[in-house]
Amino acid sequence: MDSINEDYILSHISPEPEHLQRLYRHTHLTHLYPRMCSGHLQGRLLSMLVSMIRPRRVLELGTFTGYSALCLAETLPEGGEVHTVELDDEMEEELEALFASSPGGDRVKLHIGDAMQVIPTLDEDWDLVYIDANKRDYTAYLDLLLPRLRPGSFIIADNTLWDGKVFDTAANHDPQTLGLDAFNTFVASHPRLSSVI
């Protein structure tokens, strides 16, 4: 999306909460790969989906700096929780402080470790899963999660087009692109799932 279109969209959606504006700026000033931060548009979409779906148990794979976790938590119904899994153990202290000091952060439970190992340890059934972690493992994550999804649950997977690379896997055959292409095919052909990109 070019910046003119994005500017127009951002000026015509619900405003970004101030604490998330600060977090987005902090991410861009202090972290490598700040593009991984969800941002205003994606954050408002996640918040709106949670307010529509009304999940009680949400699982996020890939926390990064916590922006999307806070968006998922902000419109949760009473008693709802977001469990978020982050691989980078150096982020633990920063994320714990963020969640302790942010609106809705008390509804976020942080798990540090590889999602492939953390998922089996979580004794929960999920109403909503947001996948934004290692692109190579999207299908493996879903394999682990399918038995723990409640009927009518939702799965949101980020980056499934991977900047268009999945359209030509002969030219783009890196592990991330191939992993996302395999995930897209798996979801589209799975008998239990209805899908849209």
N, C-alpha and C. Protein backbone atom coordinates (compact mmCIF):
# COMPACT_ATOMS: atom_id res chain seq x y z
N MET A 1 0.85 -1.16 0.00
CA MET A 1 0.00 0.00 0.00
C MET A 1 0.90 1.23 0.00
N ASP A 2 0.65 2.16 -0.93
CA ASP A 2 1.50 3.35 -0.95
C ASP A 2 1.11 4.30 0.16
N SER A 3 2.00 5.26 0.47
CA SER A 3 1.81 6.10 1.65
C SER A 3 0.61 7.03 1.52
N ILE A 4 0.24 7.44 0.29
CA ILE A 4 -0.94 8.30 0.13
C ILE A 4 -2.20 7.53 0.51
N ASN A 5 -2.33 6.30 0.02
CA ASN A 5 -3.49 5.48 0.38
C ASN A 5 -3.51 5.18 1.88
N GLU A 6 -2.35 4.87 2.44
CA GLU A 6 -2.28 4.56 3.86
C GLU A 6 -2.65 5.79 4.70
N ASP A 7 -2.14 6.96 4.32
CA ASP A 7 -2.47 8.18 5.06
C ASP A 7 -3.97 8.43 5.03
N TYR A 8 -4.59 8.22 3.88
CA TYR A 8 -6.03 8.41 3.76
C TYR A 8 -6.78 7.45 4.69
N ILE A 9 -6.40 6.17 4.65
CA ILE A 9 -7.05 5.16 5.48
C ILE A 9 -6.90 5.52 6.96
N LEU A 10 -5.70 5.86 7.38
CA LEU A 10 -5.46 6.14 8.79
C LEU A 10 -6.22 7.37 9.28
N SER A 11 -6.52 8.29 8.36
CA SER A 11 -7.27 9.49 8.76
C SER A 11 -8.77 9.24 8.78
N HIS A 12 -9.20 8.04 8.37
CA HIS A 12 -10.62 7.73 8.31
C HIS A 12 -11.00 6.49 9.12
N ILE A 13 -10.19 6.15 10.09
CA ILE A 13 -10.52 5.04 10.99
C ILE A 13 -10.46 5.54 12.42
N SER A 14 -10.86 4.71 13.35
CA SER A 14 -10.82 5.08 14.76
C SER A 14 -9.40 5.50 15.14
N PRO A 15 -9.29 6.51 15.99
CA PRO A 15 -7.94 7.00 16.34
C PRO A 15 -7.14 5.95 17.11
N GLU A 16 -5.84 6.05 16.96
CA GLU A 16 -4.92 5.17 17.68
C GLU A 16 -4.81 5.68 19.12
N PRO A 17 -5.05 4.82 20.11
CA PRO A 17 -4.90 5.25 21.50
C PRO A 17 -3.48 5.78 21.77
N GLU A 18 -3.41 6.75 22.66
CA GLU A 18 -2.15 7.44 22.92
C GLU A 18 -1.05 6.49 23.40
N HIS A 19 -1.40 5.54 24.27
CA HIS A 19 -0.36 4.63 24.76
C HIS A 19 0.20 3.75 23.63
N LEU A 20 -0.62 3.46 22.63
CA LEU A 20 -0.14 2.69 21.48
C LEU A 20 0.68 3.55 20.53
N GLN A 21 0.35 4.82 20.41
CA GLN A 21 1.19 5.75 19.63
C GLN A 21 2.59 5.79 20.22
N ARG A 22 2.65 5.90 21.55
CA ARG A 22 3.96 5.94 22.22
C ARG A 22 4.73 4.64 22.00
N LEU A 23 4.02 3.51 22.12
CA LEU A 23 4.67 2.21 21.93
C LEU A 23 5.19 2.06 20.51
N TYR A 24 4.40 2.47 19.53
CA TYR A 24 4.82 2.38 18.13
C TYR A 24 6.08 3.21 17.90
N ARG A 25 6.08 4.43 18.42
CA ARG A 25 7.26 5.31 18.26
C ARG A 25 8.46 4.69 18.97
N HIS A 26 8.27 4.22 20.19
CA HIS A 26 9.36 3.59 20.94
C HIS A 26 9.94 2.40 20.17
N THR A 27 9.07 1.59 19.58
CA THR A 27 9.51 0.43 18.80
C THR A 27 10.39 0.88 17.64
N HIS A 28 9.98 1.94 16.94
CA HIS A 28 10.74 2.42 15.79
C HIS A 28 12.06 3.08 16.18
N LEU A 29 12.15 3.60 17.38
CA LEU A 29 13.38 4.24 17.83
C LEU A 29 14.37 3.27 18.45
N THR A 30 13.89 2.15 18.98
CA THR A 30 14.78 1.33 19.81
C THR A 30 14.93 -0.13 19.37
N HIS A 31 14.21 -0.57 18.34
CA HIS A 31 14.26 -1.99 17.98
C HIS A 31 14.63 -2.20 16.52
N LEU A 32 15.36 -3.28 16.29
CA LEU A 32 15.61 -3.71 14.92
C LEU A 32 14.29 -4.22 14.33
N TYR A 33 14.13 -4.08 13.05
CA TYR A 33 12.95 -4.55 12.33
C TYR A 33 11.64 -3.99 12.90
N PRO A 34 11.55 -2.66 13.06
CA PRO A 34 10.33 -2.09 13.62
C PRO A 34 9.10 -2.31 12.74
N ARG A 35 9.32 -2.67 11.48
CA ARG A 35 8.20 -2.97 10.58
C ARG A 35 7.34 -4.12 11.12
N MET A 36 7.92 -4.93 12.00
CA MET A 36 7.17 -6.06 12.57
C MET A 36 6.09 -5.60 13.55
N CYS A 37 6.13 -4.34 13.98
CA CYS A 37 5.12 -3.83 14.89
C CYS A 37 3.81 -3.63 14.14
N SER A 38 2.71 -4.09 14.70
CA SER A 38 1.43 -4.08 14.00
C SER A 38 1.00 -2.71 13.52
N GLY A 39 1.00 -1.71 14.37
CA GLY A 39 0.64 -0.36 13.97
C GLY A 39 -0.85 -0.07 14.01
N HIS A 40 -1.17 1.16 13.69
CA HIS A 40 -2.51 1.73 13.85
C HIS A 40 -3.59 0.94 13.11
N LEU A 41 -3.47 0.75 11.80
CA LEU A 41 -4.50 0.08 11.01
C LEU A 41 -4.73 -1.35 11.47
N GLN A 42 -3.67 -2.11 11.55
CA GLN A 42 -3.80 -3.51 11.96
C GLN A 42 -4.29 -3.61 13.40
N GLY A 43 -3.82 -2.71 14.25
CA GLY A 43 -4.25 -2.71 15.64
C GLY A 43 -5.73 -2.45 15.80
N ARG A 44 -6.25 -1.48 15.02
CA ARG A 44 -7.69 -1.19 15.09
C ARG A 44 -8.50 -2.36 14.57
N LEU A 45 -7.98 -3.04 13.54
CA LEU A 45 -8.68 -4.22 13.01
C LEU A 45 -8.73 -5.33 14.06
N LEU A 46 -7.60 -5.61 14.71
CA LEU A 46 -7.57 -6.65 15.74
C LEU A 46 -8.53 -6.32 16.88
N SER A 47 -8.51 -5.08 17.33
CA SER A 47 -9.40 -4.66 18.41
C SER A 47 -10.86 -4.82 18.01
N MET A 48 -11.18 -4.43 16.78
CA MET A 48 -12.57 -4.54 16.31
C MET A 48 -13.00 -6.00 16.20
N LEU A 49 -12.11 -6.86 15.70
CA LEU A 49 -12.46 -8.28 15.59
C LEU A 49 -12.73 -8.88 16.97
N VAL A 50 -11.94 -8.52 17.96
CA VAL A 50 -12.16 -9.03 19.32
C VAL A 50 -13.50 -8.52 19.84
N SER A 51 -13.83 -7.26 19.59
CA SER A 51 -15.11 -6.75 20.09
C SER A 51 -16.28 -7.42 19.39
N MET A 52 -16.11 -7.87 18.15
CA MET A 52 -17.17 -8.57 17.42
C MET A 52 -17.29 -10.03 17.84
N ILE A 53 -16.16 -10.70 18.00
CA ILE A 53 -16.13 -12.14 18.28
C ILE A 53 -16.40 -12.42 19.76
N ARG A 54 -15.96 -11.53 20.65
CA ARG A 54 -16.13 -11.67 22.09
C ARG A 54 -15.46 -12.94 22.64
N PRO A 55 -14.19 -13.18 22.27
CA PRO A 55 -13.51 -14.38 22.77
C PRO A 55 -13.16 -14.24 24.25
N ARG A 56 -13.12 -15.37 24.94
CA ARG A 56 -12.68 -15.34 26.34
C ARG A 56 -11.21 -15.76 26.44
N ARG A 57 -10.76 -16.61 25.53
CA ARG A 57 -9.37 -17.06 25.54
C ARG A 57 -8.76 -16.80 24.16
N VAL A 58 -7.74 -15.95 24.17
CA VAL A 58 -7.04 -15.56 22.93
C VAL A 58 -5.59 -15.99 23.06
N LEU A 59 -5.06 -16.57 21.99
CA LEU A 59 -3.64 -16.93 21.93
C LEU A 59 -2.99 -16.16 20.80
N GLU A 60 -1.89 -15.49 21.13
CA GLU A 60 -1.09 -14.79 20.12
C GLU A 60 0.27 -15.46 20.05
N LEU A 61 0.71 -15.78 18.85
CA LEU A 61 2.05 -16.33 18.63
C LEU A 61 2.89 -15.24 17.98
N GLY A 62 3.87 -14.72 18.71
CA GLY A 62 4.72 -13.65 18.22
C GLY A 62 4.33 -12.32 18.85
N THR A 63 4.95 -11.97 19.96
CA THR A 63 4.59 -10.76 20.71
C THR A 63 5.32 -9.53 20.20
N PHE A 64 6.58 -9.67 19.83
CA PHE A 64 7.48 -8.58 19.46
C PHE A 64 7.48 -7.53 20.57
N THR A 65 7.00 -6.31 20.34
CA THR A 65 7.03 -5.28 21.39
C THR A 65 5.69 -5.11 22.08
N GLY A 66 4.73 -5.99 21.83
CA GLY A 66 3.49 -6.02 22.59
C GLY A 66 2.33 -5.22 22.04
N TYR A 67 2.51 -4.55 20.90
CA TYR A 67 1.45 -3.69 20.35
C TYR A 67 0.18 -4.50 20.06
N SER A 68 0.31 -5.58 19.33
CA SER A 68 -0.88 -6.36 18.95
C SER A 68 -1.51 -7.03 20.17
N ALA A 69 -0.71 -7.46 21.15
CA ALA A 69 -1.27 -8.07 22.35
C ALA A 69 -2.17 -7.08 23.08
N LEU A 70 -1.74 -5.83 23.17
CA LEU A 70 -2.57 -4.81 23.83
C LEU A 70 -3.84 -4.53 23.02
N CYS A 71 -3.74 -4.56 21.70
CA CYS A 71 -4.93 -4.36 20.87
C CYS A 71 -5.92 -5.51 21.05
N LEU A 72 -5.41 -6.72 21.13
CA LEU A 72 -6.28 -7.88 21.35
C LEU A 72 -6.94 -7.83 22.72
N ALA A 73 -6.24 -7.28 23.70
CA ALA A 73 -6.75 -7.26 25.08
C ALA A 73 -7.74 -6.13 25.33
N GLU A 74 -7.69 -5.05 24.56
CA GLU A 74 -8.43 -3.85 24.95
C GLU A 74 -9.94 -3.99 24.92
N THR A 75 -10.49 -4.87 24.09
CA THR A 75 -11.95 -5.00 24.04
C THR A 75 -12.43 -6.39 24.47
N LEU A 76 -11.58 -7.11 25.19
CA LEU A 76 -11.97 -8.43 25.70
C LEU A 76 -13.17 -8.32 26.63
N PRO A 77 -14.05 -9.33 26.61
CA PRO A 77 -15.13 -9.34 27.60
C PRO A 77 -14.58 -9.59 29.00
N GLU A 78 -15.38 -9.32 29.99
CA GLU A 78 -15.00 -9.54 31.39
C GLU A 78 -14.50 -10.97 31.57
N GLY A 79 -13.34 -11.10 32.22
CA GLY A 79 -12.75 -12.42 32.47
C GLY A 79 -11.92 -12.95 31.31
N GLY A 80 -11.86 -12.22 30.19
CA GLY A 80 -11.08 -12.67 29.04
C GLY A 80 -9.59 -12.50 29.26
N GLU A 81 -8.80 -13.32 28.58
CA GLU A 81 -7.34 -13.25 28.68
C GLU A 81 -6.71 -13.43 27.30
N VAL A 82 -5.58 -12.75 27.13
CA VAL A 82 -4.72 -12.96 25.97
C VAL A 82 -3.45 -13.63 26.48
N HIS A 83 -3.13 -14.78 25.93
CA HIS A 83 -1.85 -15.43 26.20
C HIS A 83 -0.98 -15.16 24.98
N THR A 84 0.17 -14.57 25.20
CA THR A 84 1.05 -14.23 24.08
C THR A 84 2.40 -14.90 24.26
N VAL A 85 2.94 -15.43 23.17
CA VAL A 85 4.17 -16.21 23.20
C VAL A 85 5.25 -15.47 22.41
N GLU A 86 6.38 -15.20 23.07
CA GLU A 86 7.50 -14.51 22.44
C GLU A 86 8.75 -15.37 22.56
N LEU A 87 9.43 -15.57 21.45
CA LEU A 87 10.64 -16.39 21.42
C LEU A 87 11.83 -15.70 22.09
N ASP A 88 11.97 -14.39 21.89
CA ASP A 88 13.16 -13.65 22.33
C ASP A 88 13.11 -13.40 23.84
N ASP A 89 13.90 -14.14 24.60
CA ASP A 89 13.88 -13.99 26.05
C ASP A 89 14.43 -12.64 26.51
N GLU A 90 15.17 -11.95 25.66
CA GLU A 90 15.65 -10.61 26.02
C GLU A 90 14.52 -9.58 26.05
N MET A 91 13.36 -9.92 25.52
CA MET A 91 12.21 -9.02 25.53
C MET A 91 11.36 -9.16 26.80
N GLU A 92 11.63 -10.17 27.60
CA GLU A 92 10.74 -10.49 28.72
C GLU A 92 10.56 -9.32 29.68
N GLU A 93 11.64 -8.73 30.15
CA GLU A 93 11.55 -7.65 31.13
C GLU A 93 10.80 -6.44 30.56
N GLU A 94 11.12 -6.07 29.33
CA GLU A 94 10.46 -4.93 28.69
C GLU A 94 8.96 -5.19 28.52
N LEU A 95 8.60 -6.39 28.10
CA LEU A 95 7.19 -6.72 27.89
C LEU A 95 6.43 -6.78 29.20
N GLU A 96 7.01 -7.37 30.22
CA GLU A 96 6.35 -7.44 31.53
C GLU A 96 6.07 -6.03 32.05
N ALA A 97 7.06 -5.12 31.91
CA ALA A 97 6.86 -3.73 32.35
C ALA A 97 5.78 -3.04 31.52
N LEU A 98 5.78 -3.29 30.21
CA LEU A 98 4.77 -2.70 29.33
C LEU A 98 3.37 -3.14 29.74
N PHE A 99 3.18 -4.43 29.92
CA PHE A 99 1.85 -4.94 30.25
C PHE A 99 1.40 -4.47 31.63
N ALA A 100 2.34 -4.33 32.56
CA ALA A 100 2.00 -3.87 33.91
C ALA A 100 1.56 -2.41 33.92
N SER A 101 1.99 -1.63 32.92
CA SER A 101 1.73 -0.19 32.93
C SER A 101 0.75 0.27 31.86
N SER A 102 0.17 -0.64 31.09
CA SER A 102 -0.68 -0.25 29.96
C SER A 102 -2.13 -0.62 30.20
N PRO A 103 -3.06 0.18 29.67
CA PRO A 103 -4.48 -0.20 29.74
C PRO A 103 -4.70 -1.57 29.10
N GLY A 104 -5.36 -2.45 29.82
CA GLY A 104 -5.63 -3.80 29.33
C GLY A 104 -4.48 -4.77 29.52
N GLY A 105 -3.32 -4.27 29.92
CA GLY A 105 -2.16 -5.14 30.08
C GLY A 105 -2.31 -6.19 31.16
N ASP A 106 -3.21 -5.95 32.12
CA ASP A 106 -3.45 -6.93 33.18
C ASP A 106 -4.17 -8.17 32.65
N ARG A 107 -4.70 -8.09 31.42
CA ARG A 107 -5.37 -9.25 30.82
C ARG A 107 -4.44 -10.03 29.89
N VAL A 108 -3.16 -9.63 29.86
CA VAL A 108 -2.18 -10.28 28.98
C VAL A 108 -1.24 -11.14 29.81
N LYS A 109 -1.12 -12.40 29.43
CA LYS A 109 -0.21 -13.35 30.09
C LYS A 109 0.92 -13.66 29.12
N LEU A 110 2.15 -13.31 29.49
CA LEU A 110 3.31 -13.49 28.63
C LEU A 110 3.95 -14.85 28.87
N HIS A 111 4.27 -15.54 27.76
CA HIS A 111 5.00 -16.81 27.80
C HIS A 111 6.25 -16.64 26.93
N ILE A 112 7.41 -16.91 27.48
CA ILE A 112 8.67 -16.78 26.74
C ILE A 112 9.13 -18.17 26.32
N GLY A 113 9.42 -18.31 25.02
CA GLY A 113 9.94 -19.58 24.52
C GLY A 113 9.48 -19.82 23.09
N ASP A 114 9.92 -20.92 22.54
CA ASP A 114 9.54 -21.33 21.19
C ASP A 114 8.09 -21.78 21.22
N ALA A 115 7.26 -21.18 20.36
CA ALA A 115 5.83 -21.49 20.34
C ALA A 115 5.57 -22.98 20.18
N MET A 116 6.42 -23.68 19.43
CA MET A 116 6.23 -25.11 19.23
C MET A 116 6.32 -25.87 20.56
N GLN A 117 7.11 -25.35 21.49
CA GLN A 117 7.23 -26.01 22.79
C GLN A 117 6.25 -25.44 23.82
N VAL A 118 5.89 -24.15 23.67
CA VAL A 118 5.00 -23.52 24.64
C VAL A 118 3.55 -23.96 24.44
N ILE A 119 3.10 -24.05 23.20
CA ILE A 119 1.69 -24.37 22.92
C ILE A 119 1.22 -25.62 23.67
N PRO A 120 1.97 -26.74 23.63
CA PRO A 120 1.48 -27.94 24.33
C PRO A 120 1.39 -27.79 25.85
N THR A 121 2.08 -26.78 26.41
CA THR A 121 2.05 -26.61 27.87
C THR A 121 0.86 -25.76 28.33
N LEU A 122 0.15 -25.13 27.41
CA LEU A 122 -0.96 -24.25 27.78
C LEU A 122 -2.25 -25.07 27.84
N ASP A 123 -2.77 -25.20 29.02
CA ASP A 123 -3.97 -26.02 29.23
C ASP A 123 -5.21 -25.15 29.03
N GLU A 124 -5.44 -24.76 27.79
CA GLU A 124 -6.56 -23.88 27.43
C GLU A 124 -7.18 -24.36 26.13
N ASP A 125 -8.45 -24.03 25.95
CA ASP A 125 -9.10 -24.15 24.65
C ASP A 125 -9.31 -22.73 24.16
N TRP A 126 -9.02 -22.49 22.88
CA TRP A 126 -8.93 -21.12 22.36
C TRP A 126 -10.15 -20.73 21.55
N ASP A 127 -10.58 -19.49 21.74
CA ASP A 127 -11.66 -18.90 20.94
C ASP A 127 -11.12 -18.13 19.75
N LEU A 128 -9.91 -17.59 19.90
CA LEU A 128 -9.28 -16.78 18.87
C LEU A 128 -7.78 -16.99 18.94
N VAL A 129 -7.16 -17.24 17.80
CA VAL A 129 -5.71 -17.39 17.72
C VAL A 129 -5.20 -16.40 16.68
N TYR A 130 -4.16 -15.66 17.05
CA TYR A 130 -3.50 -14.73 16.13
C TYR A 130 -2.08 -15.23 15.92
N ILE A 131 -1.77 -15.64 14.69
CA ILE A 131 -0.45 -16.20 14.37
C ILE A 131 0.38 -15.15 13.63
N ASP A 132 1.49 -14.77 14.26
CA ASP A 132 2.41 -13.80 13.66
C ASP A 132 3.83 -14.10 14.15
N ALA A 133 4.22 -15.35 14.02
CA ALA A 133 5.53 -15.79 14.51
C ALA A 133 6.35 -16.33 13.33
N ASN A 134 7.14 -17.35 13.56
CA ASN A 134 8.02 -17.90 12.53
C ASN A 134 7.21 -18.43 11.35
N LYS A 135 7.37 -17.81 10.20
CA LYS A 135 6.56 -18.12 9.02
C LYS A 135 6.76 -19.57 8.57
N ARG A 136 7.92 -20.12 8.83
CA ARG A 136 8.20 -21.51 8.43
C ARG A 136 7.30 -22.50 9.17
N ASP A 137 6.83 -22.10 10.36
CA ASP A 137 6.13 -23.03 11.24
C ASP A 137 4.63 -22.81 11.32
N TYR A 138 4.06 -21.97 10.47
CA TYR A 138 2.62 -21.69 10.57
C TYR A 138 1.77 -22.96 10.53
N THR A 139 2.08 -23.86 9.62
CA THR A 139 1.29 -25.10 9.51
C THR A 139 1.47 -25.97 10.75
N ALA A 140 2.69 -26.04 11.25
CA ALA A 140 2.95 -26.83 12.46
C ALA A 140 2.23 -26.23 13.67
N TYR A 141 2.20 -24.89 13.76
CA TYR A 141 1.43 -24.26 14.85
C TYR A 141 -0.03 -24.68 14.76
N LEU A 142 -0.57 -24.59 13.56
CA LEU A 142 -1.99 -24.91 13.39
C LEU A 142 -2.27 -26.37 13.72
N ASP A 143 -1.38 -27.27 13.35
CA ASP A 143 -1.53 -28.69 13.71
C ASP A 143 -1.64 -28.86 15.22
N LEU A 144 -0.80 -28.13 15.96
CA LEU A 144 -0.85 -28.22 17.42
C LEU A 144 -2.12 -27.60 17.99
N LEU A 145 -2.62 -26.56 17.32
CA LEU A 145 -3.74 -25.80 17.86
C LEU A 145 -5.11 -26.38 17.52
N LEU A 146 -5.25 -27.04 16.39
CA LEU A 146 -6.58 -27.51 15.95
C LEU A 146 -7.32 -28.32 17.02
N PRO A 147 -6.66 -29.22 17.75
CA PRO A 147 -7.39 -29.96 18.78
C PRO A 147 -7.84 -29.08 19.95
N ARG A 148 -7.25 -27.88 20.08
CA ARG A 148 -7.55 -27.00 21.21
C ARG A 148 -8.41 -25.80 20.82
N LEU A 149 -8.98 -25.82 19.62
CA LEU A 149 -9.85 -24.73 19.18
C LEU A 149 -11.30 -25.08 19.48
N ARG A 150 -12.00 -24.17 20.13
CA ARG A 150 -13.42 -24.39 20.40
C ARG A 150 -14.20 -24.31 19.10
N PRO A 151 -15.34 -24.99 19.00
CA PRO A 151 -16.18 -24.85 17.81
C PRO A 151 -16.53 -23.38 17.56
N GLY A 152 -16.40 -22.94 16.33
CA GLY A 152 -16.69 -21.55 15.98
C GLY A 152 -15.56 -20.59 16.27
N SER A 153 -14.39 -21.11 16.62
CA SER A 153 -13.26 -20.24 16.92
C SER A 153 -12.69 -19.63 15.64
N PHE A 154 -11.86 -18.60 15.83
CA PHE A 154 -11.27 -17.86 14.72
C PHE A 154 -9.75 -17.96 14.77
N ILE A 155 -9.15 -18.06 13.58
CA ILE A 155 -7.69 -18.05 13.43
C ILE A 155 -7.37 -16.88 12.51
N ILE A 156 -6.53 -15.98 12.99
CA ILE A 156 -6.06 -14.86 12.17
C ILE A 156 -4.57 -15.08 11.95
N ALA A 157 -4.15 -15.13 10.70
CA ALA A 157 -2.73 -15.35 10.39
C ALA A 157 -2.21 -14.14 9.62
N ASP A 158 -1.15 -13.54 10.13
CA ASP A 158 -0.56 -12.35 9.50
C ASP A 158 0.45 -12.78 8.43
N ASN A 159 0.66 -11.89 7.48
CA ASN A 159 1.72 -12.04 6.47
C ASN A 159 1.49 -13.18 5.48
N THR A 160 0.26 -13.61 5.25
CA THR A 160 0.05 -14.79 4.42
C THR A 160 0.35 -14.55 2.94
N LEU A 161 0.41 -13.30 2.51
CA LEU A 161 0.82 -13.02 1.13
C LEU A 161 2.32 -12.73 1.04
N TRP A 162 2.93 -12.35 2.16
CA TRP A 162 4.39 -12.17 2.26
C TRP A 162 4.91 -11.24 1.16
N ASP A 163 4.31 -10.06 1.09
CA ASP A 163 4.65 -9.05 0.07
C ASP A 163 4.56 -9.61 -1.35
N GLY A 164 3.64 -10.53 -1.57
CA GLY A 164 3.43 -11.09 -2.90
C GLY A 164 4.36 -12.23 -3.27
N LYS A 165 5.29 -12.57 -2.40
CA LYS A 165 6.25 -13.63 -2.72
C LYS A 165 5.58 -14.98 -2.92
N VAL A 166 4.47 -15.24 -2.22
CA VAL A 166 3.81 -16.55 -2.33
C VAL A 166 3.20 -16.77 -3.71
N PHE A 167 3.05 -15.71 -4.51
CA PHE A 167 2.48 -15.85 -5.85
C PHE A 167 3.43 -16.57 -6.80
N ASP A 168 4.73 -16.59 -6.47
CA ASP A 168 5.72 -17.21 -7.35
C ASP A 168 6.78 -17.90 -6.50
N THR A 169 6.49 -19.12 -6.07
CA THR A 169 7.43 -19.83 -5.20
C THR A 169 8.62 -20.39 -5.96
N ALA A 170 8.55 -20.40 -7.30
CA ALA A 170 9.73 -20.82 -8.07
C ALA A 170 10.81 -19.75 -7.95
N ALA A 171 10.42 -18.49 -7.99
CA ALA A 171 11.38 -17.39 -7.86
C ALA A 171 11.68 -17.08 -6.39
N ASN A 172 10.71 -17.32 -5.55
CA ASN A 172 10.85 -17.01 -4.12
C ASN A 172 10.73 -18.31 -3.33
N HIS A 173 11.83 -19.01 -3.21
CA HIS A 173 11.79 -20.33 -2.58
C HIS A 173 12.54 -20.36 -1.25
N ASP A 174 12.57 -19.22 -0.58
CA ASP A 174 13.16 -19.18 0.77
C ASP A 174 12.21 -19.90 1.73
N PRO A 175 12.71 -20.36 2.87
CA PRO A 175 11.88 -21.14 3.80
C PRO A 175 10.62 -20.42 4.30
N GLN A 176 10.71 -19.10 4.50
CA GLN A 176 9.54 -18.36 4.97
C GLN A 176 8.43 -18.37 3.93
N THR A 177 8.78 -18.06 2.68
CA THR A 177 7.79 -18.05 1.61
C THR A 177 7.17 -19.42 1.40
N LEU A 178 8.01 -20.44 1.38
CA LEU A 178 7.50 -21.80 1.20
C LEU A 178 6.62 -22.22 2.37
N GLY A 179 6.99 -21.81 3.58
CA GLY A 179 6.18 -22.12 4.76
C GLY A 179 4.80 -21.47 4.69
N LEU A 180 4.77 -20.21 4.26
CA LEU A 180 3.48 -19.52 4.15
C LEU A 180 2.63 -20.09 3.02
N ASP A 181 3.26 -20.44 1.91
CA ASP A 181 2.51 -21.05 0.81
C ASP A 181 1.91 -22.39 1.25
N ALA A 182 2.69 -23.18 1.98
CA ALA A 182 2.19 -24.46 2.48
C ALA A 182 1.04 -24.24 3.46
N PHE A 183 1.15 -23.23 4.30
CA PHE A 183 0.09 -22.91 5.25
C PHE A 183 -1.19 -22.50 4.51
N ASN A 184 -1.06 -21.62 3.54
CA ASN A 184 -2.23 -21.17 2.78
C ASN A 184 -2.93 -22.35 2.11
N THR A 185 -2.16 -23.26 1.53
CA THR A 185 -2.73 -24.44 0.88
C THR A 185 -3.40 -25.35 1.90
N PHE A 186 -2.75 -25.55 3.02
CA PHE A 186 -3.29 -26.40 4.09
C PHE A 186 -4.63 -25.86 4.58
N VAL A 187 -4.69 -24.56 4.85
CA VAL A 187 -5.92 -23.96 5.37
C VAL A 187 -7.03 -24.03 4.33
N ALA A 188 -6.70 -23.70 3.08
CA ALA A 188 -7.72 -23.67 2.02
C ALA A 188 -8.32 -25.04 1.76
N SER A 189 -7.55 -26.10 2.01
CA SER A 189 -8.03 -27.45 1.71
C SER A 189 -8.51 -28.22 2.94
N HIS A 190 -8.43 -27.61 4.12
CA HIS A 190 -8.78 -28.33 5.35
C HIS A 190 -10.29 -28.41 5.50
N PRO A 191 -10.83 -29.60 5.75
CA PRO A 191 -12.29 -29.75 5.80
C PRO A 191 -12.97 -29.06 6.98
N ARG A 192 -12.22 -28.79 8.05
CA ARG A 192 -12.82 -28.13 9.23
C ARG A 192 -12.80 -26.62 9.15
N LEU A 193 -12.08 -26.07 8.18
CA LEU A 193 -11.82 -24.63 8.18
C LEU A 193 -12.50 -23.94 7.00
N SER A 194 -13.05 -22.77 7.28
CA SER A 194 -13.48 -21.85 6.21
C SER A 194 -12.45 -20.74 6.18
N SER A 195 -12.01 -20.35 4.99
CA SER A 195 -10.88 -19.42 4.93
C SER A 195 -11.11 -18.28 3.96
N VAL A 196 -10.44 -17.19 4.24
CA VAL A 196 -10.39 -16.04 3.34
C VAL A 196 -9.02 -15.38 3.53
N ILE A 197 -8.47 -14.86 2.45
CA ILE A 197 -7.21 -14.08 2.53
C ILE A 197 -7.58 -12.64 2.28
